[in-house]
Amino acid sequence: MAQEKLSQAVALMQAQKFAEALPILEELKITNPSSGVFWNMGIVAAETGDSAKELEAWLAYREIMPNDWRGRSKLIQTYQALGNIEARDRERADLIALWKSGNDKELSSQALYCREQIVVNGQKVLAFEYFNPSGPYMVLYSFIALSASGQQSYKISLGSYDSQNQIALEMGERPKDKRYYHLDVYRTVGQVAVHESHAAFIGEPNYDVIRPRVQNILAGTSKPISSSTRPVASN
């Protein structure tokens, strides 16, 4: 019976009927609490904008599944939504330490995790942080803007590319001990790939500096510093 009700709630969630799924999950929370119930309740609370209930669900989920790194990721997102930056940073530090330890093989195989989900002008955006930014095209954060169907519509990223850092060094635009970072938008319009640069930083900016800049881009109030286009490569 409990599994049938949980399946019913999940079906309603898949149909985007989150408000209808919530009473079923609330009942199961009392009659048959389980990791599945609290996981789905956390998702429903996030989708309906009830951050307090979301926190309740993820804390209960961690009681049952203390070693699931995904639950910690959800807590990072929830504390961000609640504006509890101290708790957010504590959970984030523990998640990164666990990734570095290698004790959780599944987690250590992940290149990034979702640290926030936001909605700007009715558009849902997933914010990802990379555990170990590296390589010639190093990216620290990626913000994926989703279409109504849940597909990626465009991407915003904070990167630090080796080639641009070398140019900035040779031109005297950065000291040797600080890297050059850039906040860019990548989108496709028809058969044209568009690249926009919206901000530049000397030294690594933290997430709370980047976040409002991204929100301005999403809201359409940020104007690019520069932009370029190229034809989309055909298969």
C-alpha atoms as a PDB file:
ATOM      1  CA  MET A   1       0.000   0.000   0.000  1.00  0.00           C
ATOM      2  CA  ALA A   2       2.748   2.457   0.971  1.00  0.00           C
ATOM      3  CA  GLN A   3       4.698   1.708  -2.206  1.00  0.00           C
ATOM      4  CA  GLU A   4       1.562   2.224  -4.284  1.00  0.00           C
ATOM      5  CA  LYS A   5       0.982   5.623  -2.702  1.00  0.00           C
ATOM      6  CA  LEU A   6       4.608   6.598  -3.241  1.00  0.00           C
ATOM      7  CA  SER A   7       4.330   5.537  -6.882  1.00  0.00           C
ATOM      8  CA  GLN A   8       1.172   7.651  -7.172  1.00  0.00           C
ATOM      9  CA  ALA A   9       3.001  10.675  -5.771  1.00  0.00           C
ATOM     10  CA  VAL A  10       5.914  10.152  -8.153  1.00  0.00           C
ATOM     11  CA  ALA A  11       3.514   9.911 -11.102  1.00  0.00           C
ATOM     12  CA  LEU A  12       1.929  13.225 -10.081  1.00  0.00           C
ATOM     13  CA  MET A  13       5.385  14.784  -9.826  1.00  0.00           C
ATOM     14  CA  GLN A  14       6.271  13.558 -13.291  1.00  0.00           C
ATOM     15  CA  ALA A  15       3.092  15.242 -14.508  1.00  0.00           C
ATOM     16  CA  GLN A  16       4.247  18.482 -12.818  1.00  0.00           C
ATOM     17  CA  LYS A  17       1.372  18.208 -10.314  1.00  0.00           C
ATOM     18  CA  PHE A  18       3.532  18.897  -7.276  1.00  0.00           C
ATOM     19  CA  ALA A  19       0.802  20.394  -5.098  1.00  0.00           C
ATOM     20  CA  GLU A  20      -1.276  17.223  -5.555  1.00  0.00           C
ATOM     21  CA  ALA A  21       1.683  14.989  -4.711  1.00  0.00           C
ATOM     22  CA  LEU A  22       2.451  16.772  -1.448  1.00  0.00           C
ATOM     23  CA  PRO A  23      -0.510  15.506   0.678  1.00  0.00           C
ATOM     24  CA  ILE A  24       0.330  11.917  -0.264  1.00  0.00           C
ATOM     25  CA  LEU A  25       3.938  12.385   0.790  1.00  0.00           C
ATOM     26  CA  GLU A  26       2.864  14.152   3.993  1.00  0.00           C
ATOM     27  CA  GLU A  27       0.745  11.113   4.877  1.00  0.00           C
ATOM     28  CA  LEU A  28       3.582   8.696   4.081  1.00  0.00           C
ATOM     29  CA  LYS A  29       5.959  10.773   6.175  1.00  0.00           C
ATOM     30  CA  ILE A  30       3.863   9.780   9.200  1.00  0.00           C
ATOM     31  CA  THR A  31       2.695   6.282   8.293  1.00  0.00           C
ATOM     32  CA  ASN A  32       5.717   4.930   6.451  1.00  0.00           C
ATOM     33  CA  PRO A  33       8.739   7.259   6.552  1.00  0.00           C
ATOM     34  CA  SER A  34      11.493   6.207   4.183  1.00  0.00           C
ATOM     35  CA  SER A  35      14.358   7.686   2.195  1.00  0.00           C
ATOM     36  CA  GLY A  36      12.171   7.640  -0.921  1.00  0.00           C
ATOM     37  CA  VAL A  37       9.410   9.583   0.798  1.00  0.00           C
ATOM     38  CA  PHE A  38      11.729  12.289   2.092  1.00  0.00           C
ATOM     39  CA  TRP A  39      13.678  12.526  -1.177  1.00  0.00           C
ATOM     40  CA  ASN A  40      10.508  13.143  -3.146  1.00  0.00           C
ATOM     41  CA  MET A  41       9.147  15.481  -0.504  1.00  0.00           C
ATOM     42  CA  GLY A  42      12.333  17.522  -0.801  1.00  0.00           C
ATOM     43  CA  ILE A  43      11.884  17.737  -4.567  1.00  0.00           C
ATOM     44  CA  VAL A  44       8.215  18.770  -4.232  1.00  0.00           C
ATOM     45  CA  ALA A  45       9.045  21.403  -1.625  1.00  0.00           C
ATOM     46  CA  ALA A  46      11.765  22.839  -3.882  1.00  0.00           C
ATOM     47  CA  GLU A  47       9.431  22.948  -6.878  1.00  0.00           C
ATOM     48  CA  THR A  48       6.717  24.706  -4.885  1.00  0.00           C
ATOM     49  CA  GLY A  49       9.137  27.162  -3.287  1.00  0.00           C
ATOM     50  CA  ASP A  50       8.670  25.964   0.301  1.00  0.00           C
ATOM     51  CA  SER A  51      12.282  26.128   1.490  1.00  0.00           C
ATOM     52  CA  ALA A  52      11.417  25.451   5.151  1.00  0.00           C
ATOM     53  CA  LYS A  53       9.658  22.193   4.264  1.00  0.00           C
ATOM     54  CA  GLU A  54      12.486  21.403   1.857  1.00  0.00           C
ATOM     55  CA  LEU A  55      15.017  21.699   4.690  1.00  0.00           C
ATOM     56  CA  GLU A  56      12.877  19.472   6.909  1.00  0.00           C
ATOM     57  CA  ALA A  57      12.756  16.826   4.180  1.00  0.00           C
ATOM     58  CA  TRP A  58      16.506  16.821   3.434  1.00  0.00           C
ATOM     59  CA  LEU A  59      17.472  16.707   7.099  1.00  0.00           C
ATOM     60  CA  ALA A  60      15.131  13.734   7.570  1.00  0.00           C
ATOM     61  CA  TYR A  61      16.594  12.123   4.445  1.00  0.00           C
ATOM     62  CA  ARG A  62      20.106  12.448   5.859  1.00  0.00           C
ATOM     63  CA  GLU A  63      19.017  10.780   9.094  1.00  0.00           C
ATOM     64  CA  ILE A  64      18.119   7.714   7.037  1.00  0.00           C
ATOM     65  CA  MET A  65      20.867   8.013   4.381  1.00  0.00           C
ATOM     66  CA  PRO A  66      23.767   9.757   6.173  1.00  0.00           C
ATOM     67  CA  ASN A  67      26.359   8.658   3.629  1.00  0.00           C
ATOM     68  CA  ASP A  68      24.530   9.744   0.469  1.00  0.00           C
ATOM     69  CA  TRP A  69      26.490  12.695  -0.935  1.00  0.00           C
ATOM     70  CA  ARG A  70      23.504  13.738  -3.031  1.00  0.00           C
ATOM     71  CA  GLY A  71      21.601  14.556   0.154  1.00  0.00           C
ATOM     72  CA  ARG A  72      24.410  16.905   1.168  1.00  0.00           C
ATOM     73  CA  SER A  73      24.231  18.562  -2.252  1.00  0.00           C
ATOM     74  CA  LYS A  74      20.499  19.097  -1.717  1.00  0.00           C
ATOM     75  CA  LEU A  75      21.187  20.676   1.674  1.00  0.00           C
ATOM     76  CA  ILE A  76      23.643  23.095   0.043  1.00  0.00           C
ATOM     77  CA  GLN A  77      20.897  24.122  -2.368  1.00  0.00           C
ATOM     78  CA  THR A  78      18.341  24.485   0.416  1.00  0.00           C
ATOM     79  CA  TYR A  79      20.527  26.555   2.718  1.00  0.00           C
ATOM     80  CA  GLN A  80      21.263  28.835  -0.243  1.00  0.00           C
ATOM     81  CA  ALA A  81      17.519  29.287  -0.829  1.00  0.00           C
ATOM     82  CA  LEU A  82      17.040  30.085   2.867  1.00  0.00           C
ATOM     83  CA  GLY A  83      19.931  32.541   2.874  1.00  0.00           C
ATOM     84  CA  ASN A  84      21.770  30.547   5.552  1.00  0.00           C
ATOM     85  CA  ILE A  85      25.228  31.070   4.073  1.00  0.00           C
ATOM     86  CA  GLU A  86      27.107  29.737   7.094  1.00  0.00           C
ATOM     87  CA  ALA A  87      25.286  26.397   6.943  1.00  0.00           C
ATOM     88  CA  ARG A  88      25.628  26.326   3.145  1.00  0.00           C
ATOM     89  CA  ASP A  89      29.374  26.796   3.339  1.00  0.00           C
ATOM     90  CA  ARG A  90      29.718  24.170   6.063  1.00  0.00           C
ATOM     91  CA  GLU A  91      27.889  21.564   3.978  1.00  0.00           C
ATOM     92  CA  ARG A  92      29.887  22.540   0.891  1.00  0.00           C
ATOM     93  CA  ALA A  93      33.206  22.233   2.720  1.00  0.00           C
ATOM     94  CA  ASP A  94      32.241  18.771   3.993  1.00  0.00           C
ATOM     95  CA  LEU A  95      31.180  17.665   0.503  1.00  0.00           C
ATOM     96  CA  ILE A  96      34.423  18.829  -1.094  1.00  0.00           C
ATOM     97  CA  ALA A  97      36.464  17.211   1.699  1.00  0.00           C
ATOM     98  CA  LEU A  98      34.626  13.941   1.101  1.00  0.00           C
ATOM     99  CA  TRP A  99      35.306  14.208  -2.636  1.00  0.00           C
ATOM    100  CA  LYS A 100      38.997  14.801  -2.005  1.00  0.00           C
ATOM    101  CA  SER A 101      39.263  11.919   0.463  1.00  0.00           C
ATOM    102  CA  GLY A 102      38.325   9.340  -2.171  1.00  0.00           C
ATOM    103  CA  ASN A 103      36.355   7.387   0.430  1.00  0.00           C
ATOM    104  CA  ASP A 104      33.179   7.591  -1.647  1.00  0.00           C
ATOM    105  CA  LYS A 105      34.150   6.133  -5.020  1.00  0.00           C
ATOM    106  CA  GLU A 106      30.952   7.246  -6.727  1.00  0.00           C
ATOM    107  CA  LEU A 107      31.338  10.818  -5.495  1.00  0.00           C
ATOM    108  CA  SER A 108      35.024  10.949  -6.415  1.00  0.00           C
ATOM    109  CA  SER A 109      34.131   9.953  -9.972  1.00  0.00           C
ATOM    110  CA  GLN A 110      31.986  13.093 -10.314  1.00  0.00           C
ATOM    111  CA  ALA A 111      33.505  16.176 -11.950  1.00  0.00           C
ATOM    112  CA  LEU A 112      30.856  18.543 -10.558  1.00  0.00           C
ATOM    113  CA  TYR A 113      27.743  18.827  -8.414  1.00  0.00           C
ATOM    114  CA  CYS A 114      24.617  20.981  -8.443  1.00  0.00           C
ATOM    115  CA  ARG A 115      24.937  23.657  -5.747  1.00  0.00           C
ATOM    116  CA  GLU A 116      21.838  25.716  -6.515  1.00  0.00           C
ATOM    117  CA  GLN A 117      18.589  25.750  -8.464  1.00  0.00           C
ATOM    118  CA  ILE A 118      17.095  29.159  -9.136  1.00  0.00           C
ATOM    119  CA  VAL A 119      14.255  30.639 -11.169  1.00  0.00           C
ATOM    120  CA  VAL A 120      14.689  34.015 -12.891  1.00  0.00           C
ATOM    121  CA  ASN A 121      11.911  35.473 -15.052  1.00  0.00           C
ATOM    122  CA  GLY A 122      10.164  32.109 -14.959  1.00  0.00           C
ATOM    123  CA  GLN A 123      13.240  30.283 -16.285  1.00  0.00           C
ATOM    124  CA  LYS A 124      14.802  27.498 -14.233  1.00  0.00           C
ATOM    125  CA  VAL A 125      18.575  27.476 -13.941  1.00  0.00           C
ATOM    126  CA  LEU A 126      20.871  24.808 -12.498  1.00  0.00           C
ATOM    127  CA  ALA A 127      24.158  26.025 -11.018  1.00  0.00           C
ATOM    128  CA  PHE A 128      27.045  23.541 -11.031  1.00  0.00           C
ATOM    129  CA  GLU A 129      30.399  23.777  -9.278  1.00  0.00           C
ATOM    130  CA  TYR A 130      33.415  21.783 -10.446  1.00  0.00           C
ATOM    131  CA  PHE A 131      35.291  19.882  -7.745  1.00  0.00           C
ATOM    132  CA  ASN A 132      38.714  20.244  -9.366  1.00  0.00           C
ATOM    133  CA  PRO A 133      38.802  22.984 -12.012  1.00  0.00           C
ATOM    134  CA  SER A 134      41.741  22.232 -14.294  1.00  0.00           C
ATOM    135  CA  GLY A 135      42.900  21.956 -17.881  1.00  0.00           C
ATOM    136  CA  PRO A 136      43.543  24.545 -20.608  1.00  0.00           C
ATOM    137  CA  TYR A 137      39.839  25.473 -20.639  1.00  0.00           C
ATOM    138  CA  MET A 138      39.266  25.458 -16.883  1.00  0.00           C
ATOM    139  CA  VAL A 139      35.682  26.082 -15.720  1.00  0.00           C
ATOM    140  CA  LEU A 140      34.731  26.778 -12.101  1.00  0.00           C
ATOM    141  CA  TYR A 141      30.959  27.238 -12.387  1.00  0.00           C
ATOM    142  CA  SER A 142      28.392  26.446 -15.064  1.00  0.00           C
ATOM    143  CA  PHE A 143      24.840  27.769 -15.036  1.00  0.00           C
ATOM    144  CA  ILE A 144      22.507  25.800 -17.296  1.00  0.00           C
ATOM    145  CA  ALA A 145      19.329  27.615 -18.318  1.00  0.00           C
ATOM    146  CA  LEU A 146      16.504  25.206 -19.073  1.00  0.00           C
ATOM    147  CA  SER A 147      13.678  25.506 -21.559  1.00  0.00           C
ATOM    148  CA  ALA A 148      10.051  24.752 -20.639  1.00  0.00           C
ATOM    149  CA  SER A 149      10.633  21.153 -21.754  1.00  0.00           C
ATOM    150  CA  GLY A 150      13.625  20.800 -19.422  1.00  0.00           C
ATOM    151  CA  GLN A 151      16.275  20.927 -22.152  1.00  0.00           C
ATOM    152  CA  GLN A 152      19.325  23.194 -22.080  1.00  0.00           C
ATOM    153  CA  SER A 153      18.587  26.483 -23.813  1.00  0.00           C
ATOM    154  CA  TYR A 154      21.916  28.162 -23.119  1.00  0.00           C
ATOM    155  CA  LYS A 155      24.865  28.156 -20.714  1.00  0.00           C
ATOM    156  CA  ILE A 156      26.681  30.721 -18.580  1.00  0.00           C
ATOM    157  CA  SER A 157      30.112  29.816 -17.238  1.00  0.00           C
ATOM    158  CA  LEU A 158      32.933  31.241 -15.175  1.00  0.00           C
ATOM    159  CA  GLY A 159      36.168  30.072 -16.755  1.00  0.00           C
ATOM    160  CA  SER A 160      39.898  30.734 -16.778  1.00  0.00           C
ATOM    161  CA  TYR A 161      41.469  29.642 -20.062  1.00  0.00           C
ATOM    162  CA  ASP A 162      45.227  29.214 -20.336  1.00  0.00           C
ATOM    163  CA  SER A 163      45.484  31.039 -23.669  1.00  0.00           C
ATOM    164  CA  GLN A 164      43.691  34.128 -22.352  1.00  0.00           C
ATOM    165  CA  ASN A 165      45.760  34.069 -19.178  1.00  0.00           C
ATOM    166  CA  GLN A 166      48.951  34.030 -21.224  1.00  0.00           C
ATOM    167  CA  ILE A 167      47.774  36.981 -23.319  1.00  0.00           C
ATOM    168  CA  ALA A 168      46.729  38.925 -20.216  1.00  0.00           C
ATOM    169  CA  LEU A 169      50.136  38.262 -18.624  1.00  0.00           C
ATOM    170  CA  GLU A 170      52.090  39.383 -21.686  1.00  0.00           C
ATOM    171  CA  MET A 171      49.995  42.539 -21.960  1.00  0.00           C
ATOM    172  CA  GLY A 172      50.529  43.355 -18.289  1.00  0.00           C
ATOM    173  CA  GLU A 173      46.855  42.987 -17.451  1.00  0.00           C
ATOM    174  CA  ARG A 174      47.403  40.514 -14.599  1.00  0.00           C
ATOM    175  CA  PRO A 175      50.186  39.715 -12.109  1.00  0.00           C
ATOM    176  CA  LYS A 176      51.930  36.342 -12.286  1.00  0.00           C
ATOM    177  CA  ASP A 177      50.321  35.135  -9.069  1.00  0.00           C
ATOM    178  CA  LYS A 178      46.701  35.803 -10.076  1.00  0.00           C
ATOM    179  CA  ARG A 179      44.692  34.236 -12.872  1.00  0.00           C
ATOM    180  CA  TYR A 180      42.290  35.982 -15.222  1.00  0.00           C
ATOM    181  CA  TYR A 181      38.656  34.780 -15.038  1.00  0.00           C
ATOM    182  CA  HIS A 182      35.777  35.536 -17.407  1.00  0.00           C
ATOM    183  CA  LEU A 183      32.007  35.188 -17.171  1.00  0.00           C
ATOM    184  CA  ASP A 184      30.596  34.152 -20.546  1.00  0.00           C
ATOM    185  CA  VAL A 185      27.318  33.204 -22.195  1.00  0.00           C
ATOM    186  CA  TYR A 186      27.129  30.482 -24.832  1.00  0.00           C
ATOM    187  CA  ARG A 187      23.930  30.131 -26.828  1.00  0.00           C
ATOM    188  CA  THR A 188      22.749  28.999 -30.235  1.00  0.00           C
ATOM    189  CA  VAL A 189      20.406  31.133 -32.328  1.00  0.00           C
ATOM    190  CA  GLY A 190      19.234  29.208 -35.369  1.00  0.00           C
ATOM    191  CA  GLN A 191      22.398  28.040 -37.111  1.00  0.00           C
ATOM    192  CA  VAL A 192      24.622  30.567 -35.344  1.00  0.00           C
ATOM    193  CA  ALA A 193      26.647  29.978 -32.155  1.00  0.00           C
ATOM    194  CA  VAL A 194      26.822  33.144 -30.041  1.00  0.00           C
ATOM    195  CA  HIS A 195      29.503  33.841 -27.431  1.00  0.00           C
ATOM    196  CA  GLU A 196      29.159  36.824 -25.087  1.00  0.00           C
ATOM    197  CA  SER A 197      31.614  38.018 -22.422  1.00  0.00           C
ATOM    198  CA  HIS A 198      29.907  39.818 -19.536  1.00  0.00           C
ATOM    199  CA  ALA A 199      32.569  40.288 -16.855  1.00  0.00           C
ATOM    200  CA  ALA A 200      36.277  39.797 -16.172  1.00  0.00           C
ATOM    201  CA  PHE A 201      38.103  39.302 -12.871  1.00  0.00           C
ATOM    202  CA  ILE A 202      41.731  39.278 -11.775  1.00  0.00           C
ATOM    203  CA  GLY A 203      41.913  36.611  -9.081  1.00  0.00           C
ATOM    204  CA  GLU A 204      39.277  33.973  -8.443  1.00  0.00           C
ATOM    205  CA  PRO A 205      35.874  35.475  -7.510  1.00  0.00           C
ATOM    206  CA  ASN A 206      33.741  33.495  -5.080  1.00  0.00           C
ATOM    207  CA  TYR A 207      30.261  32.221  -5.796  1.00  0.00           C
ATOM    208  CA  ASP A 208      28.521  35.099  -4.011  1.00  0.00           C
ATOM    209  CA  VAL A 209      30.227  37.566  -6.354  1.00  0.00           C
ATOM    210  CA  ILE A 210      29.293  35.596  -9.485  1.00  0.00           C
ATOM    211  CA  ARG A 211      25.707  34.779  -8.497  1.00  0.00           C
ATOM    212  CA  PRO A 212      24.179  38.296  -8.832  1.00  0.00           C
ATOM    213  CA  ARG A 213      26.039  38.812 -12.102  1.00  0.00           C
ATOM    214  CA  VAL A 214      24.474  35.641 -13.466  1.00  0.00           C
ATOM    215  CA  GLN A 215      21.033  36.716 -12.263  1.00  0.00           C
ATOM    216  CA  ASN A 216      21.455  40.012 -14.142  1.00  0.00           C
ATOM    217  CA  ILE A 217      22.342  38.121 -17.317  1.00  0.00           C
ATOM    218  CA  LEU A 218      19.292  35.908 -16.890  1.00  0.00           C
ATOM    219  CA  ALA A 219      17.089  38.949 -16.248  1.00  0.00           C
ATOM    220  CA  GLY A 220      18.404  40.624 -19.400  1.00  0.00           C
ATOM    221  CA  THR A 221      19.846  43.624 -17.527  1.00  0.00           C
ATOM    222  CA  SER A 222      23.516  42.780 -18.153  1.00  0.00           C
ATOM    223  CA  LYS A 223      25.092  44.021 -21.373  1.00  0.00           C
ATOM    224  CA  PRO A 224      28.008  42.052 -22.852  1.00  0.00           C
ATOM    225  CA  ILE A 225      31.486  43.552 -22.894  1.00  0.00           C
ATOM    226  CA  SER A 226      32.134  41.789 -26.178  1.00  0.00           C
ATOM    227  CA  SER A 227      30.497  39.168 -28.377  1.00  0.00           C
ATOM    228  CA  SER A 228      31.253  36.967 -31.348  1.00  0.00           C
ATOM    229  CA  THR A 229      29.377  34.576 -33.607  1.00  0.00           C
ATOM    230  CA  ARG A 230      30.212  31.583 -35.782  1.00  0.00           C
ATOM    231  CA  PRO A 231      28.224  29.094 -37.845  1.00  0.00           C
ATOM    232  CA  VAL A 232      27.115  25.982 -35.977  1.00  0.00           C
ATOM    233  CA  ALA A 233      29.240  23.053 -37.089  1.00  0.00           C
ATOM    234  CA  SER A 234      27.222  20.636 -39.200  1.00  0.00           C
ATOM    235  CA  ASN A 235      27.545  16.862 -38.838  1.00  0.00           C
END
